[in-house]
Amino acid sequence: MRRTTVKIPDDLDARLRHEAQRRGVTIAEISREALEAYLGGSSRRRLGAAAAGRSGRSDVSERIEEILAAEVRS
């Protein structure tokens, strides 16, 4: 793994640190996830709703908004 230095505005740094603390992960982990999402790489975080078709539940189509909202909150 390579180390990279990135200069970011103070307000973005504060939001980054807050999110890392909130999730209990490192700033590097949040940064890698963001870069993977932006660049279209293979992210480790996946929406659980992506497998909704295999859930065995019959009400997924009726609850999709609720399911997606819960995934975004997590």
Protein backbone atom coordinates (compact mmCIF):
# COMPACT_ATOMS: atom_id res chain seq x y z
CA MET A 1 0.00 0.00 0.00
CA ARG A 2 1.27 3.49 -0.82
CA ARG A 3 1.07 6.62 1.31
CA THR A 4 -0.32 9.79 -0.30
CA THR A 5 -0.63 13.28 1.13
CA VAL A 6 -3.70 15.29 0.20
CA LYS A 7 -4.34 18.93 1.12
CA ILE A 8 -7.98 19.60 1.98
CA PRO A 9 -9.84 22.62 3.37
CA ASP A 10 -10.31 22.84 7.13
CA ASP A 11 -14.08 22.31 6.94
CA LEU A 12 -13.65 19.12 4.90
CA ASP A 13 -11.00 17.88 7.33
CA ALA A 14 -13.39 18.46 10.24
CA ARG A 15 -16.18 16.52 8.49
CA LEU A 16 -13.76 13.71 7.62
CA ARG A 17 -12.54 13.41 11.21
CA HIS A 18 -16.08 13.53 12.56
CA GLU A 19 -17.23 10.74 10.23
CA ALA A 20 -14.22 8.57 11.08
CA GLN A 21 -14.88 9.01 14.80
CA ARG A 22 -18.61 8.40 14.38
CA ARG A 23 -17.97 5.12 12.54
CA GLY A 24 -15.02 4.09 14.69
CA VAL A 25 -12.62 3.75 11.75
CA THR A 26 -9.50 5.54 10.62
CA ILE A 27 -9.37 8.65 8.48
CA ALA A 28 -7.43 6.57 5.95
CA GLU A 29 -10.29 4.06 5.71
CA ILE A 30 -12.86 6.79 5.06
CA SER A 31 -10.55 8.36 2.48
CA ARG A 32 -10.00 5.04 0.68
CA GLU A 33 -13.75 4.35 0.59
CA ALA A 34 -14.44 7.82 -0.83
CA LEU A 35 -11.76 7.46 -3.50
CA GLU A 36 -12.96 4.00 -4.47
CA ALA A 37 -16.55 5.25 -4.74
CA TYR A 38 -15.52 8.30 -6.79
CA LEU A 39 -13.18 6.40 -9.10
CA GLY A 40 -15.47 3.40 -9.47
CA GLY A 41 -13.13 0.94 -7.79
CA SER A 42 -14.17 -2.16 -5.94
CA SER A 43 -15.41 -0.80 -2.65
CA ARG A 44 -15.66 -3.01 0.41
CA ARG A 45 -18.88 -1.33 1.42
CA ARG A 46 -21.89 -2.58 -0.49
CA LEU A 47 -25.54 -1.76 -0.15
CA GLY A 48 -27.26 -4.63 1.58
CA ALA A 49 -30.31 -3.85 -0.54
CA ALA A 50 -28.37 -5.01 -3.59
CA ALA A 51 -29.13 -8.59 -2.55
CA ALA A 52 -32.77 -7.85 -1.79
CA GLY A 53 -33.90 -10.24 -4.53
CA ARG A 54 -32.46 -13.14 -2.57
CA SER A 55 -33.82 -12.12 0.80
CA GLY A 56 -36.70 -14.58 0.80
CA ARG A 57 -39.07 -11.73 1.59
CA SER A 58 -42.05 -11.04 -0.63
CA ASP A 59 -42.54 -7.37 0.35
CA VAL A 60 -39.20 -5.94 -0.84
CA SER A 61 -40.70 -4.01 -3.75
CA GLU A 62 -43.17 -2.36 -1.40
CA ARG A 63 -40.49 -1.55 1.20
CA ILE A 64 -37.58 -0.56 -1.08
CA GLU A 65 -37.54 3.10 0.01
CA GLU A 66 -37.44 2.05 3.67
CA ILE A 67 -34.70 -0.52 2.99
CA LEU A 68 -32.54 1.95 1.06
CA ALA A 69 -32.99 4.65 3.70
CA ALA A 70 -31.84 2.22 6.39
CA GLU A 71 -28.74 1.32 4.33
CA VAL A 72 -27.81 4.96 3.80
CA ARG A 73 -28.11 5.64 7.55
CA SER A 74 -25.76 2.76 8.42
